[in-house]
Amino acid sequence: MTEDAILRKLPRKHPNLVLGIGDDCAIFRPKPNEDLVFTTDLFIEHVHFRRRDPPQDVGRRALARSLSDIAAMGGASRFCLVTLALPAWTDEAWIDGFYNGLIQLADDTKTALAGGDLSHARQLTCDVMVCGSVPRGKALRRDGARPGDLIYVSGPLGGWRHKQNPEPRLDLAKRLRGKATACIDISDGLALDLHRVCLASGVSAVIETVPLLDRATLKQALHDGEDYELVYTAPPRVRVPGLPIGAIQKGAPGKLMLNGKEIFPVGYDHFRNRT
């Protein structure tokens, strides 16, 4: 396999792009009256996936993680750039499977594969950058939660042990525009990510219930991470989709309470878990 041979298999055109794969840069022309939102996410062998995982699942998850960030901002996905460093163990079948999984999710979410980079490395490393868009001034942020707001999640939680193929909540996120006061995706556990919203908003939170996936524990839902559901807030008078789990209160910024006890924002941290 050569770099050009891999590139020849990838889709070259997309209606959202003026120019895609095949030149030094992609050209994307945004629409009037929209804001662009950008994210990037590393996806690394032995950290985020295992070599024995099906390559289609690996490719899909690599893109899904970044799409979840776009959803957290209330965005619609526009295009992605995929940088992939391949070790010697990856063969043509694995590479084809990886891109097939990624491109299937890209097609499902109307995300153009606009380019990226290919290289080699001792350990497989992937970086997926996604550009999304929201109507001007309508992006969801972390810093808008206010005392009295209710807290919701977009689905049951349980962490990575119980959700191998997450679904980025792009469609639901669009329904939150103009309604939710704050939003974040749950990548590092409900406790840590809700704590981040409360810190940004200068508020505290009381969790009353946590909906769980089958066979998941409360500890896993609070702290394991990689659910890629959304946790968001909205005033009580505003109807939003999702499952209510508690309320925002005045108090020490970032403080979380559950069943009368403080819970601490312990979740997945790359630097705490380097070993």
Protein backbone atom coordinates (compact mmCIF):
# COMPACT_ATOMS: atom_id res chain seq x y z
CA MET A 1 0.00 0.00 0.00
CA THR A 2 1.18 3.52 -0.83
CA GLU A 3 -0.17 6.87 0.29
CA ASP A 4 -1.53 7.61 -3.18
CA ALA A 5 -3.20 4.19 -3.34
CA ILE A 6 -5.03 4.90 -0.08
CA LEU A 7 -6.08 8.37 -1.22
CA ARG A 8 -7.44 7.09 -4.52
CA LYS A 9 -10.03 5.04 -2.61
CA LEU A 10 -11.41 8.02 -0.70
CA PRO A 11 -14.38 10.13 -1.89
CA ARG A 12 -13.26 13.23 -3.78
CA LYS A 13 -16.36 15.43 -3.99
CA HIS A 14 -19.02 16.64 -1.59
CA PRO A 15 -21.75 19.27 -2.07
CA ASN A 16 -20.58 21.22 1.01
CA LEU A 17 -17.07 21.69 -0.39
CA VAL A 18 -15.77 23.88 -3.18
CA LEU A 19 -12.65 21.69 -3.29
CA GLY A 20 -11.89 18.54 -1.28
CA ILE A 21 -9.28 15.78 -1.38
CA GLY A 22 -6.76 16.13 -4.18
CA ASP A 23 -5.12 19.52 -3.59
CA ASP A 24 -2.92 21.10 -0.93
CA CYS A 25 -5.94 22.47 0.96
CA ALA A 26 -9.68 21.97 0.99
CA ILE A 27 -11.90 24.95 0.20
CA PHE A 28 -15.08 25.41 2.22
CA ARG A 29 -17.42 28.33 1.66
CA PRO A 30 -19.58 29.06 4.72
CA LYS A 31 -23.13 30.30 4.41
CA PRO A 32 -24.09 33.84 5.43
CA ASN A 33 -25.30 34.36 9.01
CA GLU A 34 -23.67 31.25 10.46
CA ASP A 35 -20.90 30.74 12.98
CA LEU A 36 -18.34 27.99 12.42
CA VAL A 37 -17.35 25.71 15.30
CA PHE A 38 -14.19 23.60 15.29
CA THR A 39 -12.94 20.67 17.32
CA THR A 40 -10.15 18.11 17.18
CA ASP A 41 -9.74 14.83 19.00
CA LEU A 42 -6.87 12.35 19.23
CA PHE A 43 -7.62 8.64 18.96
CA ILE A 44 -4.69 6.46 20.02
CA GLU A 45 -4.01 2.72 20.11
CA HIS A 46 -3.94 1.27 23.67
CA VAL A 47 -5.55 4.50 24.97
CA HIS A 48 -8.85 4.70 23.08
CA PHE A 49 -9.02 1.36 21.27
CA ARG A 50 -7.36 -2.05 21.07
CA ARG A 51 -5.66 -3.61 18.08
CA ARG A 52 -8.13 -6.51 18.11
CA ASP A 53 -11.14 -4.16 17.77
CA PRO A 54 -12.86 -4.36 14.35
CA PRO A 55 -11.33 -1.67 12.13
CA GLN A 56 -14.77 -0.46 11.01
CA ASP A 57 -15.65 0.24 14.66
CA VAL A 58 -12.33 2.02 15.20
CA GLY A 59 -12.87 4.32 12.23
CA ARG A 60 -16.44 5.07 13.23
CA ARG A 61 -15.54 5.86 16.82
CA ALA A 62 -12.65 8.09 15.74
CA LEU A 63 -15.11 10.38 13.96
CA ALA A 64 -17.98 9.97 16.44
CA ARG A 65 -15.92 11.48 19.27
CA SER A 66 -15.37 14.73 17.41
CA LEU A 67 -18.96 14.84 16.14
CA SER A 68 -20.10 14.65 19.76
CA ASP A 69 -18.22 17.90 20.45
CA ILE A 70 -20.05 19.54 17.54
CA ALA A 71 -23.35 18.30 18.98
CA ALA A 72 -22.46 19.80 22.37
CA MET A 73 -22.37 23.22 20.70
CA GLY A 74 -25.71 22.69 18.95
CA GLY A 75 -23.90 22.46 15.63
CA ALA A 76 -24.44 20.73 12.32
CA SER A 77 -21.37 18.94 10.99
CA ARG A 78 -19.84 20.25 7.77
CA PHE A 79 -16.48 18.58 7.10
CA CYS A 80 -13.66 16.66 8.74
CA LEU A 81 -9.89 16.37 8.31
CA VAL A 82 -8.43 12.99 9.27
CA THR A 83 -4.74 12.56 10.07
CA LEU A 84 -3.65 8.94 10.42
CA ALA A 85 -0.22 7.56 11.43
CA LEU A 86 -0.09 3.84 10.63
CA PRO A 87 2.20 1.23 12.23
CA ALA A 88 3.57 -1.79 10.38
CA TRP A 89 0.83 -4.17 11.60
CA THR A 90 -1.91 -2.35 9.63
CA ASP A 91 -2.51 -3.99 6.26
CA GLU A 92 -4.69 -3.01 3.31
CA ALA A 93 -7.75 -4.77 4.72
CA TRP A 94 -7.44 -2.98 8.09
CA ILE A 95 -6.98 0.43 6.45
CA ASP A 96 -9.96 -0.17 4.15
CA GLY A 97 -12.08 -1.20 7.13
CA PHE A 98 -11.07 1.86 9.13
CA TYR A 99 -12.04 4.26 6.36
CA ASN A 100 -15.22 2.33 5.56
CA GLY A 101 -16.42 2.77 9.14
CA LEU A 102 -15.46 6.43 9.24
CA ILE A 103 -16.97 7.25 5.85
CA GLN A 104 -20.25 5.48 6.68
CA LEU A 105 -20.73 7.71 9.72
CA ALA A 106 -19.60 10.74 7.71
CA ASP A 107 -22.26 9.96 5.10
CA ASP A 108 -24.92 9.42 7.74
CA THR A 109 -24.17 12.82 9.33
CA LYS A 110 -23.54 14.73 6.07
CA THR A 111 -19.90 15.28 7.02
CA ALA A 112 -17.52 15.74 4.09
CA LEU A 113 -14.13 14.04 4.33
CA ALA A 114 -12.15 17.05 3.13
CA GLY A 115 -8.58 15.84 3.61
CA GLY A 116 -5.98 15.23 6.28
CA ASP A 117 -2.58 13.55 6.32
CA LEU A 118 -1.04 10.08 6.26
CA SER A 119 2.19 8.94 7.87
CA HIS A 120 3.71 5.99 9.73
CA ALA A 121 4.44 5.45 13.41
CA ARG A 122 5.17 2.70 15.91
CA GLN A 123 1.73 3.17 17.48
CA LEU A 124 -1.43 3.92 15.55
CA THR A 125 -2.48 7.51 16.13
CA CYS A 126 -5.44 9.30 14.57
CA ASP A 127 -6.46 12.95 14.85
CA VAL A 128 -9.90 13.95 13.58
CA MET A 129 -10.71 17.65 13.16
CA VAL A 130 -14.35 18.53 12.46
CA CYS A 131 -15.84 21.83 11.36
CA GLY A 132 -19.48 22.44 12.14
CA SER A 133 -21.83 25.39 11.90
CA VAL A 134 -24.61 26.99 13.94
CA PRO A 135 -26.88 29.94 13.19
CA ARG A 136 -25.05 33.08 14.19
CA GLY A 137 -25.12 33.64 17.96
CA LYS A 138 -26.96 30.36 18.67
CA ALA A 139 -24.08 28.09 19.75
CA LEU A 140 -24.61 26.21 23.01
CA ARG A 141 -21.91 26.91 25.59
CA ARG A 142 -20.88 25.72 29.03
CA ASP A 143 -21.24 29.05 30.82
CA GLY A 144 -24.99 29.75 30.67
CA ALA A 145 -26.45 27.57 33.44
CA ARG A 146 -28.39 29.57 36.06
CA PRO A 147 -29.86 28.70 39.49
CA GLY A 148 -33.28 27.11 39.03
CA ASP A 149 -32.42 25.50 35.69
CA LEU A 150 -33.17 21.80 35.40
CA ILE A 151 -30.43 19.38 34.34
CA TYR A 152 -31.02 16.81 31.61
CA VAL A 153 -29.10 14.03 29.87
CA SER A 154 -29.82 12.85 26.35
CA GLY A 155 -29.83 9.14 27.27
CA PRO A 156 -28.93 6.48 29.86
CA LEU A 157 -25.33 6.39 31.05
CA GLY A 158 -22.79 3.73 31.96
CA GLY A 159 -19.45 4.59 30.47
CA TRP A 160 -17.26 2.89 27.89
CA ARG A 161 -17.80 -0.64 29.21
CA HIS A 162 -21.44 -0.50 28.19
CA LYS A 163 -21.38 1.59 25.02
CA GLN A 164 -18.94 0.44 22.36
CA ASN A 165 -20.44 2.40 19.44
CA PRO A 166 -21.65 5.82 20.60
CA GLU A 167 -24.13 7.87 18.57
CA PRO A 168 -23.28 11.59 18.39
CA ARG A 169 -26.45 13.47 19.35
CA LEU A 170 -26.42 15.92 16.45
CA ASP A 171 -30.17 15.83 15.75
CA LEU A 172 -31.15 16.29 19.38
CA ALA A 173 -28.63 19.11 19.78
CA LYS A 174 -30.31 21.15 17.04
CA ARG A 175 -33.56 20.97 19.03
CA LEU A 176 -31.78 22.52 22.01
CA ARG A 177 -30.83 25.74 20.20
CA GLY A 178 -32.53 28.70 21.82
CA LYS A 179 -33.77 26.50 24.69
CA ALA A 180 -30.82 25.01 26.57
CA THR A 181 -28.80 27.44 28.70
CA ALA A 182 -25.63 25.30 28.82
CA CYS A 183 -24.44 22.03 27.29
CA ILE A 184 -21.46 19.66 27.21
CA ASP A 185 -20.92 16.16 25.89
CA ILE A 186 -20.15 13.41 28.39
CA SER A 187 -16.71 12.22 27.36
CA ASP A 188 -15.03 11.96 30.77
CA GLY A 189 -17.93 10.93 33.02
CA LEU A 190 -21.09 12.71 34.17
CA ALA A 191 -19.50 13.99 37.39
CA LEU A 192 -16.47 15.59 35.76
CA ASP A 193 -18.31 17.03 32.76
CA LEU A 194 -21.22 18.45 34.79
CA HIS A 195 -18.61 19.91 37.19
CA ARG A 196 -17.06 21.69 34.19
CA VAL A 197 -20.41 23.23 33.27
CA CYS A 198 -20.93 24.38 36.86
CA LEU A 199 -17.44 25.87 37.05
CA ALA A 200 -17.92 27.76 33.78
CA SER A 201 -21.34 29.01 34.91
CA GLY A 202 -20.38 29.83 38.52
CA VAL A 203 -23.05 27.54 40.01
CA SER A 204 -23.48 24.22 41.83
CA ALA A 205 -25.72 21.25 41.02
CA VAL A 206 -27.88 18.70 42.79
CA ILE A 207 -28.25 15.35 41.04
CA GLU A 208 -31.45 13.53 41.98
CA THR A 209 -31.27 10.49 39.71
CA VAL A 210 -28.95 8.99 37.08
CA PRO A 211 -30.50 6.85 34.29
CA LEU A 212 -28.35 3.76 33.73
CA LEU A 213 -27.68 1.49 30.79
CA ASP A 214 -28.33 -2.22 31.30
CA ARG A 215 -25.85 -3.74 33.79
CA ALA A 216 -24.15 -0.38 34.37
CA THR A 217 -23.40 0.86 37.88
CA LEU A 218 -23.84 4.35 39.28
CA LYS A 219 -20.08 4.62 39.73
CA GLN A 220 -19.48 3.79 36.06
CA ALA A 221 -22.05 6.34 34.92
CA LEU A 222 -20.56 9.07 37.10
CA HIS A 223 -16.88 8.47 36.44
CA ASP A 224 -16.00 6.10 33.56
CA GLY A 225 -16.61 8.39 30.58
CA GLU A 226 -17.05 7.85 26.84
CA ASP A 227 -20.85 7.83 26.93
CA TYR A 228 -20.93 10.68 24.41
CA GLU A 229 -24.42 11.64 25.52
CA LEU A 230 -25.16 15.32 26.23
CA VAL A 231 -25.76 16.87 29.65
CA TYR A 232 -27.52 20.24 29.45
CA THR A 233 -29.59 22.73 31.41
CA ALA A 234 -32.82 24.62 30.71
CA PRO A 235 -35.31 26.73 32.67
CA PRO A 236 -38.26 24.74 34.15
CA ARG A 237 -40.77 26.50 31.89
CA VAL A 238 -38.92 25.46 28.73
CA ARG A 239 -39.69 22.03 27.27
CA VAL A 240 -36.66 20.16 25.98
CA PRO A 241 -36.07 16.53 25.00
CA GLY A 242 -34.12 14.26 27.30
CA LEU A 243 -34.15 12.78 30.80
CA PRO A 244 -34.23 15.13 33.83
CA ILE A 245 -31.62 14.30 36.46
CA GLY A 246 -31.47 17.29 38.82
CA ALA A 247 -31.23 21.05 39.14
CA ILE A 248 -28.78 23.93 39.19
CA GLN A 249 -28.42 25.85 42.45
CA LYS A 250 -26.50 28.73 43.94
CA GLY A 251 -23.39 27.59 45.72
CA ALA A 252 -19.67 26.98 45.39
CA PRO A 253 -18.91 26.89 41.65
CA GLY A 254 -18.49 23.31 40.49
CA LYS A 255 -19.91 21.63 43.61
CA LEU A 256 -22.04 18.54 42.98
CA MET A 257 -24.42 16.85 45.41
CA LEU A 258 -26.10 13.44 45.14
CA ASN A 259 -28.33 11.88 47.83
CA GLY A 260 -27.27 14.54 50.32
CA LYS A 261 -23.56 13.88 49.82
CA GLU A 262 -20.97 15.75 47.82
CA ILE A 263 -19.58 13.83 44.87
CA PHE A 264 -16.19 14.69 43.51
CA PRO A 265 -15.41 15.27 39.82
CA VAL A 266 -13.31 12.17 39.31
CA GLY A 267 -13.40 11.04 35.69
CA TYR A 268 -10.98 10.01 32.99
CA ASP A 269 -7.93 12.24 32.87
CA HIS A 270 -5.24 11.50 30.28
CA PHE A 271 -2.42 12.72 32.48
CA ARG A 272 -3.60 11.01 35.67
CA ASN A 273 -3.95 7.78 33.67
CA ARG A 274 -0.68 7.86 31.74
CA THR A 275 0.49 4.57 33.27
